PDB file of N, CA and C in Angstrom:
ATOM      1  N   VAL A   1      99.043 160.708-192.301  1.00  0.00           N
ATOM      2  CA  VAL A   1      98.696 159.724-192.093  1.00  0.00           C
ATOM      3  C   VAL A   1      97.725 159.294-193.108  1.00  0.00           C
ATOM      4  N   TYR A   2      97.813 158.117-193.679  1.00  0.00           N
ATOM      5  CA  TYR A   2      96.512 157.871-194.567  1.00  0.00           C
ATOM      6  C   TYR A   2      94.912 157.537-194.299  1.00  0.00           C
ATOM      7  N   HIS A   3      94.368 157.999-194.838  1.00  0.00           N
ATOM      8  CA  HIS A   3      92.856 157.616-194.610  1.00  0.00           C
ATOM      9  C   HIS A   3      92.256 157.941-195.939  1.00  0.00           C
ATOM     10  N   PRO A   4      91.423 156.778-196.068  1.00  0.00           N
ATOM     11  CA  PRO A   4      90.919 156.749-197.733  1.00  0.00           C
ATOM     12  C   PRO A   4      89.733 157.957-198.010  1.00  0.00           C
ATOM     13  N   ASN A   5      89.302 158.705-197.278  1.00  0.00           N
ATOM     14  CA  ASN A   5      88.257 159.676-197.432  1.00  0.00           C
ATOM     15  C   ASN A   5      89.411 161.043-197.194  1.00  0.00           C
ATOM     16  N   ILE A   6      90.571 161.190-197.223  1.00  0.00           N
ATOM     17  CA  ILE A   6      91.200 162.471-197.353  1.00  0.00           C
ATOM     18  C   ILE A   6      92.277 162.277-198.407  1.00  0.00           C
ATOM     19  N   ASP A   7      92.477 163.377-199.230  1.00  0.00           N
ATOM     20  CA  ASP A   7      93.377 163.400-200.254  1.00  0.00           C
ATOM     21  C   ASP A   7      94.628 163.647-199.555  1.00  0.00           C
ATOM     22  N   LEU A   8      95.954 163.574-200.837  1.00  0.00           N
ATOM     23  CA  LEU A   8      96.970 163.935-200.521  1.00  0.00           C
ATOM     24  C   LEU A   8      97.071 165.660-199.996  1.00  0.00           C
ATOM     25  N   GLU A   9      96.180 166.258-200.151  1.00  0.00           N
ATOM     26  CA  GLU A   9      96.430 167.942-199.936  1.00  0.00           C
ATOM     27  C   GLU A   9      95.569 168.054-198.541  1.00  0.00           C
ATOM     28  N   GLY A  10      94.875 166.742-198.094  1.00  0.00           N
ATOM     29  CA  GLY A  10      94.194 166.960-196.461  1.00  0.00           C
ATOM     30  C   GLY A  10      93.166 167.458-196.840  1.00  0.00           C
ATOM     31  N   ASN A  11      92.576 167.519-197.861  1.00  0.00           N
ATOM     32  CA  ASN A  11      90.927 167.766-198.229  1.00  0.00           C
ATOM     33  C   ASN A  11      90.132 166.513-197.922  1.00  0.00           C
ATOM     34  N   VAL A  12      88.779 166.971-197.607  1.00  0.00           N
ATOM     35  CA  VAL A  12      88.144 165.937-197.199  1.00  0.00           C
ATOM     36  C   VAL A  12      87.170 165.361-198.356  1.00  0.00           C
ATOM     37  N   CYS A  13      87.111 164.035-198.376  1.00  0.00           N
ATOM     38  CA  CYS A  13      86.737 163.869-199.872  1.00  0.00           C
ATOM     39  C   CYS A  13      85.238 163.175-199.592  1.00  0.00           C
ATOM     40  N   LEU A  14      84.360 163.921-199.058  1.00  0.00           N
ATOM     41  CA  LEU A  14      82.774 163.863-199.230  1.00  0.00           C
ATOM     42  C   LEU A  14      82.074 164.532-200.049  1.00  0.00           C
ATOM     43  N   ASN A  15      81.435 163.891-200.934  1.00  0.00           N
ATOM     44  CA  ASN A  15      81.039 164.863-202.223  1.00  0.00           C
ATOM     45  C   ASN A  15      79.739 165.874-201.726  1.00  0.00           C
ATOM     46  N   ILE A  16      78.745 165.161-200.387  1.00  0.00           N
ATOM     47  CA  ILE A  16      77.759 166.274-199.947  1.00  0.00           C
ATOM     48  C   ILE A  16      78.562 167.494-199.461  1.00  0.00           C
ATOM     49  N   LEU A  17      79.718 167.622-199.198  1.00  0.00           N
ATOM     50  CA  LEU A  17      80.392 169.030-198.651  1.00  0.00           C
ATOM     51  C   LEU A  17      81.108 169.795-200.053  1.00  0.00           C
ATOM     52  N   ARG A  18      81.043 169.035-200.952  1.00  0.00           N
ATOM     53  CA  ARG A  18      81.699 169.570-202.072  1.00  0.00           C
ATOM     54  C   ARG A  18      80.792 169.699-203.395  1.00  0.00           C
ATOM     55  N   GLU A  19      81.205 168.816-204.468  1.00  0.00           N
ATOM     56  CA  GLU A  19      80.426 168.844-205.657  1.00  0.00           C
ATOM     57  C   GLU A  19      78.710 168.294-205.454  1.00  0.00           C
ATOM     58  N   ASP A  20      78.478 167.707-204.973  1.00  0.00           N
ATOM     59  CA  ASP A  20      77.033 167.417-204.406  1.00  0.00           C
ATOM     60  C   ASP A  20      76.543 168.373-203.519  1.00  0.00           C
ATOM     61  N   TRP A  21      76.863 169.221-202.867  1.00  0.00           N
ATOM     62  CA  TRP A  21      76.097 170.200-202.164  1.00  0.00           C
ATOM     63  C   TRP A  21      74.890 171.087-202.748  1.00  0.00           C
ATOM     64  N   LYS A  22      73.647 170.816-202.187  1.00  0.00           N
ATOM     65  CA  LYS A  22      72.451 171.768-202.395  1.00  0.00           C
ATOM     66  C   LYS A  22      72.055 172.211-201.225  1.00  0.00           C
ATOM     67  N   PRO A  23      71.487 173.356-201.263  1.00  0.00           N
ATOM     68  CA  PRO A  23      70.940 173.985-200.086  1.00  0.00           C
ATOM     69  C   PRO A  23      69.738 173.196-199.573  1.00  0.00           C
ATOM     70  N   VAL A  24      69.175 172.410-200.297  1.00  0.00           N
ATOM     71  CA  VAL A  24      68.024 171.615-199.847  1.00  0.00           C
ATOM     72  C   VAL A  24      68.354 170.373-198.796  1.00  0.00           C
ATOM     73  N   LEU A  25      69.653 169.958-198.600  1.00  0.00           N
ATOM     74  CA  LEU A  25      70.148 169.177-198.020  1.00  0.00           C
ATOM     75  C   LEU A  25      69.937 169.304-196.554  1.00  0.00           C
ATOM     76  N   ASN A  26      69.510 168.281-195.519  1.00  0.00           N
ATOM     77  CA  ASN A  26      68.939 168.624-194.319  1.00  0.00           C
ATOM     78  C   ASN A  26      70.260 168.238-193.444  1.00  0.00           C
ATOM     79  N   ILE A  27      69.867 168.639-192.258  1.00  0.00           N
ATOM     80  CA  ILE A  27      71.104 168.131-191.172  1.00  0.00           C
ATOM     81  C   ILE A  27      71.496 166.887-191.191  1.00  0.00           C
ATOM     82  N   ASN A  28      70.202 165.812-191.150  1.00  0.00           N
ATOM     83  CA  ASN A  28      70.200 164.543-191.162  1.00  0.00           C
ATOM     84  C   ASN A  28      71.397 164.048-192.286  1.00  0.00           C
ATOM     85  N   THR A  29      71.066 164.749-193.348  1.00  0.00           N
ATOM     86  CA  THR A  29      72.024 164.021-194.325  1.00  0.00           C
ATOM     87  C   THR A  29      73.229 164.213-194.462  1.00  0.00           C
ATOM     88  N   ILE A  30      73.454 165.298-193.938  1.00  0.00           N
ATOM     89  CA  ILE A  30      75.107 165.747-193.329  1.00  0.00           C
ATOM     90  C   ILE A  30      75.749 165.092-192.091  1.00  0.00           C
ATOM     91  N   ILE A  31      74.771 164.758-191.502  1.00  0.00           N
ATOM     92  CA  ILE A  31      75.637 163.857-190.172  1.00  0.00           C
ATOM     93  C   ILE A  31      75.555 162.529-190.553  1.00  0.00           C
ATOM     94  N   TYR A  32      74.518 161.765-191.439  1.00  0.00           N
ATOM     95  CA  TYR A  32      74.873 160.341-192.027  1.00  0.00           C
ATOM     96  C   TYR A  32      76.153 160.456-192.673  1.00  0.00           C
ATOM     97  N   GLY A  33      76.570 161.398-193.736  1.00  0.00           N
ATOM     98  CA  GLY A  33      77.668 161.215-194.424  1.00  0.00           C
ATOM     99  C   GLY A  33      78.679 161.514-193.205  1.00  0.00           C
ATOM    100  N   LEU A  34      78.828 162.432-192.840  1.00  0.00           N
ATOM    101  CA  LEU A  34      79.962 162.637-191.742  1.00  0.00           C
ATOM    102  C   LEU A  34      80.221 161.477-190.898  1.00  0.00           C
ATOM    103  N   ASN A  35      79.054 160.577-190.535  1.00  0.00           N
ATOM    104  CA  ASN A  35      79.415 159.583-189.733  1.00  0.00           C
ATOM    105  C   ASN A  35      79.886 158.299-190.485  1.00  0.00           C
ATOM    106  N   HIS A  36      79.608 158.099-191.953  1.00  0.00           N
ATOM    107  CA  HIS A  36      80.007 157.145-192.765  1.00  0.00           C
ATOM    108  C   HIS A  36      81.450 157.817-193.020  1.00  0.00           C
ATOM    109  N   LEU A  37      81.757 158.897-193.039  1.00  0.00           N
ATOM    110  CA  LEU A  37      83.378 159.352-193.434  1.00  0.00           C
ATOM    111  C   LEU A  37      84.052 158.836-192.298  1.00  0.00           C
ATOM    112  N   PHE A  38      83.643 158.970-191.034  1.00  0.00           N
ATOM    113  CA  PHE A  38      84.727 158.279-189.858  1.00  0.00           C
ATOM    114  C   PHE A  38      84.627 156.919-189.634  1.00  0.00           C
ATOM    115  N   THR A  39      83.857 156.321-190.215  1.00  0.00           N
ATOM    116  CA  THR A  39      83.907 154.897-189.926  1.00  0.00           C
ATOM    117  C   THR A  39      84.435 154.136-191.069  1.00  0.00           C
TER     118      THR A  39
END
């Protein structure tokens, strides 16, 4: 199944969960990113 935020190996392409992760990110930032991931 094709999804623009999932790569061919099945990895989620959300920068705040990977390269841009910082311990100072709060839960609101994560939820906001996940919300946009699924819409």
